[in-house]
Amino acid sequence: MKQILLTRKLHKFAMNQLQKKYELTIHTGIIPMPKKLLLQKIKNADGLICFPYDIIDREIIESAKNLAVISTYSVGYDHIDVSAAKKRNIRIGYTPNVLTNATADLTIGLMLDLMRRITEGDRLVRAGSWGEIFGPHDYTGIDLEGKTLGILGIGRIGQAVAKRAQVFGLNIIYHSRTRLTKNQESKLGTRFASFSDLIRSSDILTIHIPYKKETHHLIDLQILKKMKKSSFLINTSRGKIINEKDLIQALKAKTISGAALDVFEKEPIGKNHELTKMENVVLAPHIGSSSAETRHKMAQITIQNLILGLQGRKMVYSV
């Protein structure tokens, strides 16, 4: 019977399906699974189910003498050394597409929260600091209608955000490596902009590009200084696309007006992180895909990728 290592438990239905076919080793301790333990447990594994915070590097891959399939419970696979895996003919499965709507919904939610100061107001009420009814100029937010939304990356999630944003009467522009057709642009109510134009023109800039070498710290202080002082930054993509230290500096100096972040350079962040002390920042604990329906689909695809890969068949989604 083939041996499968899971770096943490999946849904019950998924575990039941796997247990019928394979011998499972399931990590139940500290998350993420410590590298020393991972190196030890993966030695005889035929398949690995991992998560985006598990760093599956060359050393781990080379120590897994029987490993044939890596199935990651994530849309991204930058935590896996793909070239090292392919040199060993190890197949890699991942779970794109299914989290498009959930992530787009969260992006719109963060946008509304940030500009209408919802979470900030929640903290104020809970702290007992709402002492009197606000006057005409007190605690004002900003309307979305008429503002320019800049979408960096117009893949599935970026397009889903554009579709939702039309309802709010936003002027939508985008920049992406691949330009949409005129028909697609018309349907989404958007137009193509150069990267420079996107940065300078956006009242709200939302990031939907993958993380890779070329996008590491793409948004740094130099770029932030080119944005409007009244602008807002939203990131539901990958934390390392933004230089976090530069963002903190820009927020303190009011180079931009605020940020809403679901992802960070190092996760999880602690309560003493500088971002947690800022009122013009909305923070979410990496929950872009965290709807019950989406997570169920992700688990289903993760185990399908593993099973199909071990059978030598075409995966649902593979790298």
C-alpha atoms as a PDB file:
ATOM      1  CA  MET A   1       0.000   0.000   0.000  1.00  0.00           C
ATOM      2  CA  LYS A   2       1.355   3.403  -0.981  1.00  0.00           C
ATOM      3  CA  GLN A   3       2.300   5.800   1.819  1.00  0.00           C
ATOM      4  CA  ILE A   4       0.947   9.347   1.915  1.00  0.00           C
ATOM      5  CA  LEU A   5       2.197  12.146   4.150  1.00  0.00           C
ATOM      6  CA  LEU A   6      -0.170  14.983   5.052  1.00  0.00           C
ATOM      7  CA  THR A   7       1.300  18.032   6.766  1.00  0.00           C
ATOM      8  CA  ARG A   8      -2.067  18.519   8.508  1.00  0.00           C
ATOM      9  CA  LYS A   9      -5.607  17.071   8.420  1.00  0.00           C
ATOM     10  CA  LEU A  10      -7.983  17.651   5.527  1.00  0.00           C
ATOM     11  CA  HIS A  11     -11.800  17.483   5.608  1.00  0.00           C
ATOM     12  CA  LYS A  12     -13.300  14.271   6.977  1.00  0.00           C
ATOM     13  CA  PHE A  13     -14.709  13.178   3.592  1.00  0.00           C
ATOM     14  CA  ALA A  14     -11.258  13.601   2.027  1.00  0.00           C
ATOM     15  CA  MET A  15      -9.515  11.674   4.808  1.00  0.00           C
ATOM     16  CA  ASN A  16     -12.018   8.835   4.471  1.00  0.00           C
ATOM     17  CA  GLN A  17     -11.377   8.545   0.726  1.00  0.00           C
ATOM     18  CA  LEU A  18      -7.621   8.547   1.192  1.00  0.00           C
ATOM     19  CA  GLN A  19      -7.691   5.966   3.999  1.00  0.00           C
ATOM     20  CA  LYS A  20      -9.466   3.488   1.709  1.00  0.00           C
ATOM     21  CA  LYS A  21      -6.566   3.577  -0.740  1.00  0.00           C
ATOM     22  CA  TYR A  22      -3.401   4.454   1.147  1.00  0.00           C
ATOM     23  CA  GLU A  23      -1.486   4.282   4.399  1.00  0.00           C
ATOM     24  CA  LEU A  24      -1.590   7.785   5.844  1.00  0.00           C
ATOM     25  CA  THR A  25       0.836   9.663   8.070  1.00  0.00           C
ATOM     26  CA  ILE A  26      -0.846  12.827   9.334  1.00  0.00           C
ATOM     27  CA  HIS A  27       1.027  15.579  11.122  1.00  0.00           C
ATOM     28  CA  THR A  28      -0.966  16.905  14.096  1.00  0.00           C
ATOM     29  CA  GLY A  29       1.610  19.047  15.881  1.00  0.00           C
ATOM     30  CA  ILE A  30       2.999  22.531  15.311  1.00  0.00           C
ATOM     31  CA  ILE A  31       1.869  24.232  12.088  1.00  0.00           C
ATOM     32  CA  PRO A  32       3.701  24.474   9.782  1.00  0.00           C
ATOM     33  CA  MET A  33       5.280  21.046  10.159  1.00  0.00           C
ATOM     34  CA  PRO A  34       8.882  21.559  11.378  1.00  0.00           C
ATOM     35  CA  LYS A  35      11.420  20.939   8.624  1.00  0.00           C
ATOM     36  CA  LYS A  36      13.394  18.407  10.668  1.00  0.00           C
ATOM     37  CA  LEU A  37      10.263  16.312  11.185  1.00  0.00           C
ATOM     38  CA  LEU A  38       9.187  16.744   7.562  1.00  0.00           C
ATOM     39  CA  LEU A  39      12.584  15.476   6.365  1.00  0.00           C
ATOM     40  CA  GLN A  40      12.188  12.431   8.585  1.00  0.00           C
ATOM     41  CA  LYS A  41       8.577  11.587   7.694  1.00  0.00           C
ATOM     42  CA  ILE A  42       8.818  12.143   3.935  1.00  0.00           C
ATOM     43  CA  LYS A  43      11.653   9.652   3.379  1.00  0.00           C
ATOM     44  CA  ASN A  44       9.377   6.747   2.471  1.00  0.00           C
ATOM     45  CA  ALA A  45       6.332   8.663   1.268  1.00  0.00           C
ATOM     46  CA  ASP A  46       4.944   8.012  -2.222  1.00  0.00           C
ATOM     47  CA  GLY A  47       2.731  11.091  -2.082  1.00  0.00           C
ATOM     48  CA  LEU A  48       2.681  14.390  -0.193  1.00  0.00           C
ATOM     49  CA  ILE A  49      -0.270  16.647   0.587  1.00  0.00           C
ATOM     50  CA  CYS A  50       0.980  20.041   1.695  1.00  0.00           C
ATOM     51  CA  PHE A  51      -0.210  23.592   2.281  1.00  0.00           C
ATOM     52  CA  PRO A  52       1.051  27.036   1.156  1.00  0.00           C
ATOM     53  CA  TYR A  53       3.057  27.636   4.330  1.00  0.00           C
ATOM     54  CA  ASP A  54       4.969  24.332   3.965  1.00  0.00           C
ATOM     55  CA  ILE A  55       8.310  25.066   2.301  1.00  0.00           C
ATOM     56  CA  ILE A  56       8.980  22.067   0.055  1.00  0.00           C
ATOM     57  CA  ASP A  57      12.535  22.884  -0.970  1.00  0.00           C
ATOM     58  CA  ARG A  58      15.250  20.951  -2.782  1.00  0.00           C
ATOM     59  CA  GLU A  59      16.543  19.314   0.407  1.00  0.00           C
ATOM     60  CA  ILE A  60      13.114  17.913   1.273  1.00  0.00           C
ATOM     61  CA  ILE A  61      12.479  16.738  -2.285  1.00  0.00           C
ATOM     62  CA  GLU A  62      15.861  15.029  -2.560  1.00  0.00           C
ATOM     63  CA  SER A  63      15.357  13.234   0.772  1.00  0.00           C
ATOM     64  CA  ALA A  64      12.072  11.685  -0.441  1.00  0.00           C
ATOM     65  CA  LYS A  65      13.355   8.660  -2.356  1.00  0.00           C
ATOM     66  CA  ASN A  66       9.902   7.274  -3.258  1.00  0.00           C
ATOM     67  CA  LEU A  67       8.036  10.527  -3.789  1.00  0.00           C
ATOM     68  CA  ALA A  68       5.988  10.553  -7.013  1.00  0.00           C
ATOM     69  CA  VAL A  69       3.325  13.229  -6.380  1.00  0.00           C
ATOM     70  CA  ILE A  70       3.056  16.503  -4.473  1.00  0.00           C
ATOM     71  CA  SER A  71      -0.508  17.773  -4.141  1.00  0.00           C
ATOM     72  CA  THR A  72      -0.785  21.227  -2.585  1.00  0.00           C
ATOM     73  CA  TYR A  73      -3.957  22.592  -1.043  1.00  0.00           C
ATOM     74  CA  SER A  74      -3.489  26.024  -2.613  1.00  0.00           C
ATOM     75  CA  VAL A  75      -3.810  28.067  -5.772  1.00  0.00           C
ATOM     76  CA  GLY A  76      -0.126  29.038  -5.578  1.00  0.00           C
ATOM     77  CA  TYR A  77       2.885  26.761  -5.703  1.00  0.00           C
ATOM     78  CA  ASP A  78       5.751  29.168  -5.020  1.00  0.00           C
ATOM     79  CA  HIS A  79       6.421  27.255  -1.770  1.00  0.00           C
ATOM     80  CA  ILE A  80       7.508  24.230  -3.830  1.00  0.00           C
ATOM     81  CA  ASP A  81      10.838  23.948  -5.632  1.00  0.00           C
ATOM     82  CA  VAL A  82       9.256  23.031  -8.947  1.00  0.00           C
ATOM     83  CA  SER A  83      12.541  22.567 -10.838  1.00  0.00           C
ATOM     84  CA  ALA A  84      13.892  20.175  -8.177  1.00  0.00           C
ATOM     85  CA  ALA A  85      10.640  18.190  -8.305  1.00  0.00           C
ATOM     86  CA  LYS A  86      10.616  17.977 -12.096  1.00  0.00           C
ATOM     87  CA  LYS A  87      14.219  16.770 -12.157  1.00  0.00           C
ATOM     88  CA  ARG A  88      12.989  13.834 -10.093  1.00  0.00           C
ATOM     89  CA  ASN A  89       9.888  13.404 -12.303  1.00  0.00           C
ATOM     90  CA  ILE A  90       7.681  14.246  -9.330  1.00  0.00           C
ATOM     91  CA  ARG A  91       4.267  15.472 -10.437  1.00  0.00           C
ATOM     92  CA  ILE A  92       2.748  18.565  -8.807  1.00  0.00           C
ATOM     93  CA  GLY A  93      -0.964  19.277  -8.417  1.00  0.00           C
ATOM     94  CA  TYR A  94      -2.607  22.477  -7.170  1.00  0.00           C
ATOM     95  CA  THR A  95      -6.085  24.009  -6.806  1.00  0.00           C
ATOM     96  CA  PRO A  96      -6.629  27.097  -9.000  1.00  0.00           C
ATOM     97  CA  ASN A  97      -9.961  28.481 -10.247  1.00  0.00           C
ATOM     98  CA  VAL A  98     -12.087  27.293  -7.315  1.00  0.00           C
ATOM     99  CA  LEU A  99     -11.184  30.207  -5.051  1.00  0.00           C
ATOM    100  CA  THR A 100     -11.810  32.934  -7.632  1.00  0.00           C
ATOM    101  CA  ASN A 101     -15.195  34.069  -6.298  1.00  0.00           C
ATOM    102  CA  ALA A 102     -14.245  33.806  -2.635  1.00  0.00           C
ATOM    103  CA  THR A 103     -11.124  35.922  -3.112  1.00  0.00           C
ATOM    104  CA  ALA A 104     -12.940  38.477  -5.266  1.00  0.00           C
ATOM    105  CA  ASP A 105     -15.670  38.771  -2.621  1.00  0.00           C
ATOM    106  CA  LEU A 106     -13.077  39.370   0.087  1.00  0.00           C
ATOM    107  CA  THR A 107     -11.336  42.005  -2.046  1.00  0.00           C
ATOM    108  CA  ILE A 108     -14.573  43.978  -2.370  1.00  0.00           C
ATOM    109  CA  GLY A 109     -15.239  43.479   1.342  1.00  0.00           C
ATOM    110  CA  LEU A 110     -11.817  44.863   2.265  1.00  0.00           C
ATOM    111  CA  MET A 111     -12.328  47.801  -0.085  1.00  0.00           C
ATOM    112  CA  LEU A 112     -15.638  48.727   1.557  1.00  0.00           C
ATOM    113  CA  ASP A 113     -14.249  48.152   5.047  1.00  0.00           C
ATOM    114  CA  LEU A 114     -11.211  50.342   4.434  1.00  0.00           C
ATOM    115  CA  MET A 115     -12.961  53.244   2.736  1.00  0.00           C
ATOM    116  CA  ARG A 116     -16.009  53.303   5.032  1.00  0.00           C
ATOM    117  CA  ARG A 117     -13.908  52.605   8.159  1.00  0.00           C
ATOM    118  CA  ILE A 118     -16.110  49.699   9.272  1.00  0.00           C
ATOM    119  CA  THR A 119     -13.572  47.719  11.317  1.00  0.00           C
ATOM    120  CA  GLU A 120     -12.204  50.931  12.775  1.00  0.00           C
ATOM    121  CA  GLY A 121     -15.721  51.836  13.882  1.00  0.00           C
ATOM    122  CA  ASP A 122     -16.282  48.373  15.327  1.00  0.00           C
ATOM    123  CA  ARG A 123     -13.177  48.804  17.510  1.00  0.00           C
ATOM    124  CA  LEU A 124     -14.391  52.239  18.603  1.00  0.00           C
ATOM    125  CA  VAL A 125     -17.811  50.920  19.682  1.00  0.00           C
ATOM    126  CA  ARG A 126     -16.410  47.870  21.487  1.00  0.00           C
ATOM    127  CA  ALA A 127     -13.914  50.045  23.371  1.00  0.00           C
ATOM    128  CA  GLY A 128     -16.750  52.260  24.636  1.00  0.00           C
ATOM    129  CA  SER A 129     -15.286  55.269  22.833  1.00  0.00           C
ATOM    130  CA  TRP A 130     -18.469  56.221  20.952  1.00  0.00           C
ATOM    131  CA  GLY A 131     -19.399  58.995  23.339  1.00  0.00           C
ATOM    132  CA  GLU A 132     -21.758  61.111  21.258  1.00  0.00           C
ATOM    133  CA  ILE A 133     -23.664  61.137  17.968  1.00  0.00           C
ATOM    134  CA  PHE A 134     -21.264  62.180  15.193  1.00  0.00           C
ATOM    135  CA  GLY A 135     -21.676  65.561  13.544  1.00  0.00           C
ATOM    136  CA  PRO A 136     -21.440  66.488   9.831  1.00  0.00           C
ATOM    137  CA  HIS A 137     -17.642  66.265   9.708  1.00  0.00           C
ATOM    138  CA  ASP A 138     -16.984  63.507  12.238  1.00  0.00           C
ATOM    139  CA  TYR A 139     -15.861  60.005  11.323  1.00  0.00           C
ATOM    140  CA  THR A 140     -16.347  60.379   7.579  1.00  0.00           C
ATOM    141  CA  GLY A 141     -15.495  57.665   5.085  1.00  0.00           C
ATOM    142  CA  ILE A 142     -15.164  57.838   1.307  1.00  0.00           C
ATOM    143  CA  ASP A 143     -17.684  56.906  -1.410  1.00  0.00           C
ATOM    144  CA  LEU A 144     -16.677  54.305  -3.988  1.00  0.00           C
ATOM    145  CA  GLU A 145     -18.805  55.739  -6.782  1.00  0.00           C
ATOM    146  CA  GLY A 146     -16.790  57.732  -9.284  1.00  0.00           C
ATOM    147  CA  LYS A 147     -13.412  56.611  -7.946  1.00  0.00           C
ATOM    148  CA  THR A 148     -10.823  54.865 -10.123  1.00  0.00           C
ATOM    149  CA  LEU A 149     -10.141  51.247  -9.264  1.00  0.00           C
ATOM    150  CA  GLY A 150      -6.831  49.965 -10.603  1.00  0.00           C
ATOM    151  CA  ILE A 151      -6.523  46.190 -10.947  1.00  0.00           C
ATOM    152  CA  LEU A 152      -2.974  44.850 -11.164  1.00  0.00           C
ATOM    153  CA  GLY A 153      -3.371  41.442 -12.818  1.00  0.00           C
ATOM    154  CA  ILE A 154      -6.524  40.661 -14.797  1.00  0.00           C
ATOM    155  CA  GLY A 155      -6.604  36.893 -14.507  1.00  0.00           C
ATOM    156  CA  ARG A 156      -9.639  35.050 -13.155  1.00  0.00           C
ATOM    157  CA  ILE A 157      -9.645  36.833  -9.794  1.00  0.00           C
ATOM    158  CA  GLY A 158      -8.916  40.250 -11.280  1.00  0.00           C
ATOM    159  CA  GLN A 159     -11.791  39.813 -13.747  1.00  0.00           C
ATOM    160  CA  ALA A 160     -14.134  38.685 -10.965  1.00  0.00           C
ATOM    161  CA  VAL A 161     -13.212  41.804  -8.975  1.00  0.00           C
ATOM    162  CA  ALA A 162     -13.883  44.010 -12.025  1.00  0.00           C
ATOM    163  CA  LYS A 163     -17.273  42.355 -12.527  1.00  0.00           C
ATOM    164  CA  ARG A 164     -18.270  43.070  -8.937  1.00  0.00           C
ATOM    165  CA  ALA A 165     -16.795  46.581  -8.962  1.00  0.00           C
ATOM    166  CA  GLN A 166     -19.068  47.702 -11.801  1.00  0.00           C
ATOM    167  CA  VAL A 167     -22.011  47.671  -9.386  1.00  0.00           C
ATOM    168  CA  PHE A 168     -20.395  50.441  -7.319  1.00  0.00           C
ATOM    169  CA  GLY A 169     -19.996  52.835 -10.234  1.00  0.00           C
ATOM    170  CA  LEU A 170     -16.215  52.687 -10.177  1.00  0.00           C
ATOM    171  CA  ASN A 171     -14.047  53.727 -13.094  1.00  0.00           C
ATOM    172  CA  ILE A 172     -12.070  50.510 -13.668  1.00  0.00           C
ATOM    173  CA  ILE A 173      -8.608  50.298 -15.238  1.00  0.00           C
ATOM    174  CA  TYR A 174      -6.182  47.388 -15.295  1.00  0.00           C
ATOM    175  CA  HIS A 175      -2.635  46.385 -16.100  1.00  0.00           C
ATOM    176  CA  SER A 176      -1.604  42.837 -16.917  1.00  0.00           C
ATOM    177  CA  ARG A 177       0.978  40.938 -18.961  1.00  0.00           C
ATOM    178  CA  THR A 178      -1.821  39.710 -21.203  1.00  0.00           C
ATOM    179  CA  ARG A 179      -4.334  42.247 -22.439  1.00  0.00           C
ATOM    180  CA  LEU A 180      -8.022  41.377 -22.591  1.00  0.00           C
ATOM    181  CA  THR A 181      -9.890  41.442 -25.871  1.00  0.00           C
ATOM    182  CA  LYS A 182     -11.947  44.537 -26.648  1.00  0.00           C
ATOM    183  CA  ASN A 183     -15.086  42.480 -26.045  1.00  0.00           C
ATOM    184  CA  GLN A 184     -13.843  41.339 -22.612  1.00  0.00           C
ATOM    185  CA  GLU A 185     -12.887  44.890 -21.678  1.00  0.00           C
ATOM    186  CA  SER A 186     -16.326  46.093 -22.706  1.00  0.00           C
ATOM    187  CA  LYS A 187     -18.127  43.414 -20.667  1.00  0.00           C
ATOM    188  CA  LEU A 188     -16.058  44.211 -17.576  1.00  0.00           C
ATOM    189  CA  GLY A 189     -16.305  47.964 -18.067  1.00  0.00           C
ATOM    190  CA  THR A 190     -12.545  48.347 -17.917  1.00  0.00           C
ATOM    191  CA  ARG A 191      -9.680  49.691 -19.987  1.00  0.00           C
ATOM    192  CA  PHE A 192      -6.009  48.785 -20.244  1.00  0.00           C
ATOM    193  CA  ALA A 193      -3.441  51.098 -18.653  1.00  0.00           C
ATOM    194  CA  SER A 194       0.340  51.055 -18.539  1.00  0.00           C
ATOM    195  CA  PHE A 195       1.812  50.082 -15.175  1.00  0.00           C
ATOM    196  CA  SER A 196       2.867  53.685 -14.610  1.00  0.00           C
ATOM    197  CA  ASP A 197      -0.610  55.006 -15.459  1.00  0.00           C
ATOM    198  CA  LEU A 198      -2.232  52.413 -13.207  1.00  0.00           C
ATOM    199  CA  ILE A 199      -0.072  53.447 -10.245  1.00  0.00           C
ATOM    200  CA  ARG A 200      -0.577  57.189 -10.782  1.00  0.00           C
ATOM    201  CA  SER A 201      -4.291  57.147 -11.627  1.00  0.00           C
ATOM    202  CA  SER A 202      -5.786  54.673  -9.155  1.00  0.00           C
ATOM    203  CA  ASP A 203      -7.755  55.820  -6.139  1.00  0.00           C
ATOM    204  CA  ILE A 204      -7.809  52.174  -5.095  1.00  0.00           C
ATOM    205  CA  LEU A 205      -5.099  49.763  -6.266  1.00  0.00           C
ATOM    206  CA  THR A 206      -5.823  46.063  -5.825  1.00  0.00           C
ATOM    207  CA  ILE A 207      -3.204  43.368  -6.455  1.00  0.00           C
ATOM    208  CA  HIS A 208      -4.015  40.086  -8.227  1.00  0.00           C
ATOM    209  CA  ILE A 209      -0.720  38.864  -9.693  1.00  0.00           C
ATOM    210  CA  PRO A 210       1.184  35.684  -8.781  1.00  0.00           C
ATOM    211  CA  TYR A 211       4.282  35.805  -6.618  1.00  0.00           C
ATOM    212  CA  LYS A 212       7.535  34.949  -8.375  1.00  0.00           C
ATOM    213  CA  LYS A 213      11.064  36.298  -8.688  1.00  0.00           C
ATOM    214  CA  GLU A 214       9.963  39.147 -10.974  1.00  0.00           C
ATOM    215  CA  THR A 215       7.175  40.302  -8.652  1.00  0.00           C
ATOM    216  CA  HIS A 216       9.128  40.133  -5.377  1.00  0.00           C
ATOM    217  CA  HIS A 217       8.741  43.534  -3.661  1.00  0.00           C
ATOM    218  CA  LEU A 218       7.251  44.952  -6.856  1.00  0.00           C
ATOM    219  CA  ILE A 219       5.352  47.470  -4.737  1.00  0.00           C
ATOM    220  CA  ASP A 220       8.075  49.354  -2.886  1.00  0.00           C
ATOM    221  CA  LEU A 221       8.522  52.888  -1.581  1.00  0.00           C
ATOM    222  CA  GLN A 222       9.423  54.195  -5.024  1.00  0.00           C
ATOM    223  CA  ILE A 223       6.118  52.933  -6.426  1.00  0.00           C
ATOM    224  CA  LEU A 224       4.110  53.990  -3.363  1.00  0.00           C
ATOM    225  CA  LYS A 225       5.397  57.546  -3.739  1.00  0.00           C
ATOM    226  CA  LYS A 226       3.954  57.634  -7.263  1.00  0.00           C
ATOM    227  CA  MET A 227       0.464  56.821  -5.981  1.00  0.00           C
ATOM    228  CA  LYS A 228      -2.031  59.507  -5.020  1.00  0.00           C
ATOM    229  CA  LYS A 229      -1.810  60.611  -1.383  1.00  0.00           C
ATOM    230  CA  SER A 230      -5.552  59.964  -1.206  1.00  0.00           C
ATOM    231  CA  SER A 231      -5.212  56.407  -2.580  1.00  0.00           C
ATOM    232  CA  PHE A 232      -5.718  53.024  -0.934  1.00  0.00           C
ATOM    233  CA  LEU A 233      -3.849  49.743  -1.481  1.00  0.00           C
ATOM    234  CA  ILE A 234      -5.450  46.280  -1.262  1.00  0.00           C
ATOM    235  CA  ASN A 235      -3.601  42.969  -1.384  1.00  0.00           C
ATOM    236  CA  THR A 236      -5.296  39.548  -1.425  1.00  0.00           C
ATOM    237  CA  SER A 237      -2.582  37.959  -3.574  1.00  0.00           C
ATOM    238  CA  ARG A 238       0.806  37.271  -1.934  1.00  0.00           C
ATOM    239  CA  GLY A 239       2.477  39.212   0.863  1.00  0.00           C
ATOM    240  CA  LYS A 240       5.944  39.325  -0.657  1.00  0.00           C
ATOM    241  CA  ILE A 241       4.742  41.285  -3.675  1.00  0.00           C
ATOM    242  CA  ILE A 242       4.755  44.311  -1.334  1.00  0.00           C
ATOM    243  CA  ASN A 243       7.836  45.496   0.524  1.00  0.00           C
ATOM    244  CA  GLU A 244       6.181  45.571   3.938  1.00  0.00           C
ATOM    245  CA  LYS A 245       8.746  47.882   5.557  1.00  0.00           C
ATOM    246  CA  ASP A 246       8.271  50.381   2.732  1.00  0.00           C
ATOM    247  CA  LEU A 247       4.483  50.143   3.060  1.00  0.00           C
ATOM    248  CA  ILE A 248       4.667  50.838   6.799  1.00  0.00           C
ATOM    249  CA  GLN A 249       6.879  53.843   6.119  1.00  0.00           C
ATOM    250  CA  ALA A 250       4.454  55.115   3.459  1.00  0.00           C
ATOM    251  CA  LEU A 251       1.442  54.691   5.748  1.00  0.00           C
ATOM    252  CA  LYS A 252       3.162  56.498   8.626  1.00  0.00           C
ATOM    253  CA  ALA A 253       4.189  59.359   6.346  1.00  0.00           C
ATOM    254  CA  LYS A 254       0.689  59.439   4.776  1.00  0.00           C
ATOM    255  CA  THR A 255       2.228  58.865   1.357  1.00  0.00           C
ATOM    256  CA  ILE A 256      -0.979  56.875   0.745  1.00  0.00           C
ATOM    257  CA  SER A 257      -4.190  57.009   2.767  1.00  0.00           C
ATOM    258  CA  GLY A 258      -4.553  53.396   3.813  1.00  0.00           C
ATOM    259  CA  ALA A 259      -4.198  49.700   3.080  1.00  0.00           C
ATOM    260  CA  ALA A 260      -6.227  46.509   3.443  1.00  0.00           C
ATOM    261  CA  LEU A 261      -4.184  43.323   3.586  1.00  0.00           C
ATOM    262  CA  ASP A 262      -5.096  39.655   3.661  1.00  0.00           C
ATOM    263  CA  VAL A 263      -1.512  38.486   3.093  1.00  0.00           C
ATOM    264  CA  PHE A 264       1.837  39.355   4.642  1.00  0.00           C
ATOM    265  CA  GLU A 265       5.543  38.746   4.094  1.00  0.00           C
ATOM    266  CA  LYS A 266       5.711  36.398   7.092  1.00  0.00           C
ATOM    267  CA  GLU A 267       2.580  34.728   8.421  1.00  0.00           C
ATOM    268  CA  PRO A 268       1.023  34.750  10.896  1.00  0.00           C
ATOM    269  CA  ILE A 269       1.824  38.265  12.090  1.00  0.00           C
ATOM    270  CA  GLY A 270       1.795  38.922  15.822  1.00  0.00           C
ATOM    271  CA  LYS A 271      -0.122  41.485  17.865  1.00  0.00           C
ATOM    272  CA  ASN A 272       2.984  43.673  18.127  1.00  0.00           C
ATOM    273  CA  HIS A 273       3.465  43.973  14.366  1.00  0.00           C
ATOM    274  CA  GLU A 274       3.585  47.653  13.356  1.00  0.00           C
ATOM    275  CA  LEU A 275       0.617  47.253  11.011  1.00  0.00           C
ATOM    276  CA  THR A 276      -1.632  46.253  13.923  1.00  0.00           C
ATOM    277  CA  LYS A 277      -1.116  49.649  15.534  1.00  0.00           C
ATOM    278  CA  MET A 278      -2.363  51.665  12.547  1.00  0.00           C
ATOM    279  CA  GLU A 279      -5.951  52.899  12.273  1.00  0.00           C
ATOM    280  CA  ASN A 280      -5.747  53.360   8.487  1.00  0.00           C
ATOM    281  CA  VAL A 281      -5.102  49.657   7.922  1.00  0.00           C
ATOM    282  CA  VAL A 282      -7.549  46.738   7.722  1.00  0.00           C
ATOM    283  CA  LEU A 283      -5.994  43.337   8.422  1.00  0.00           C
ATOM    284  CA  ALA A 284      -7.363  39.867   7.627  1.00  0.00           C
ATOM    285  CA  PRO A 285      -5.686  36.535   8.541  1.00  0.00           C
ATOM    286  CA  HIS A 286      -5.137  35.180   4.986  1.00  0.00           C
ATOM    287  CA  ILE A 287      -8.771  34.194   4.435  1.00  0.00           C
ATOM    288  CA  GLY A 288      -9.099  34.810   0.686  1.00  0.00           C
ATOM    289  CA  SER A 289     -10.292  31.260   0.046  1.00  0.00           C
ATOM    290  CA  SER A 290     -12.007  30.819   3.397  1.00  0.00           C
ATOM    291  CA  SER A 291     -15.573  30.071   2.467  1.00  0.00           C
ATOM    292  CA  ALA A 292     -16.954  26.666   3.407  1.00  0.00           C
ATOM    293  CA  GLU A 293     -17.868  25.907  -0.194  1.00  0.00           C
ATOM    294  CA  THR A 294     -14.460  26.878  -1.575  1.00  0.00           C
ATOM    295  CA  ARG A 295     -12.469  24.994   1.036  1.00  0.00           C
ATOM    296  CA  HIS A 296     -14.535  21.846   0.379  1.00  0.00           C
ATOM    297  CA  LYS A 297     -13.810  22.100  -3.369  1.00  0.00           C
ATOM    298  CA  MET A 298     -10.117  22.647  -2.666  1.00  0.00           C
ATOM    299  CA  ALA A 299      -9.967  19.489  -0.553  1.00  0.00           C
ATOM    300  CA  GLN A 300     -11.755  17.528  -3.272  1.00  0.00           C
ATOM    301  CA  ILE A 301      -9.313  18.675  -5.965  1.00  0.00           C
ATOM    302  CA  THR A 302      -6.301  18.110  -3.693  1.00  0.00           C
ATOM    303  CA  ILE A 303      -7.104  14.450  -3.177  1.00  0.00           C
ATOM    304  CA  GLN A 304      -8.137  13.976  -6.827  1.00  0.00           C
ATOM    305  CA  ASN A 305      -4.787  15.388  -7.941  1.00  0.00           C
ATOM    306  CA  LEU A 306      -2.972  13.015  -5.603  1.00  0.00           C
ATOM    307  CA  ILE A 307      -4.937   9.917  -6.631  1.00  0.00           C
ATOM    308  CA  LEU A 308      -4.755  10.642 -10.362  1.00  0.00           C
ATOM    309  CA  GLY A 309      -1.063  11.482 -10.117  1.00  0.00           C
ATOM    310  CA  LEU A 310      -0.225   8.240  -8.349  1.00  0.00           C
ATOM    311  CA  GLN A 311      -2.196   6.354 -11.000  1.00  0.00           C
ATOM    312  CA  GLY A 312      -0.166   8.021 -13.731  1.00  0.00           C
ATOM    313  CA  ARG A 313      -3.256   9.783 -15.061  1.00  0.00           C
ATOM    314  CA  LYS A 314      -3.863  13.440 -15.902  1.00  0.00           C
ATOM    315  CA  MET A 315      -4.411  15.555 -12.805  1.00  0.00           C
ATOM    316  CA  VAL A 316      -7.318  17.982 -12.476  1.00  0.00           C
ATOM    317  CA  TYR A 317      -4.760  20.818 -12.277  1.00  0.00           C
ATOM    318  CA  SER A 318      -1.027  20.308 -12.572  1.00  0.00           C
ATOM    319  CA  VAL A 319       2.084  22.453 -12.762  1.00  0.00           C
END
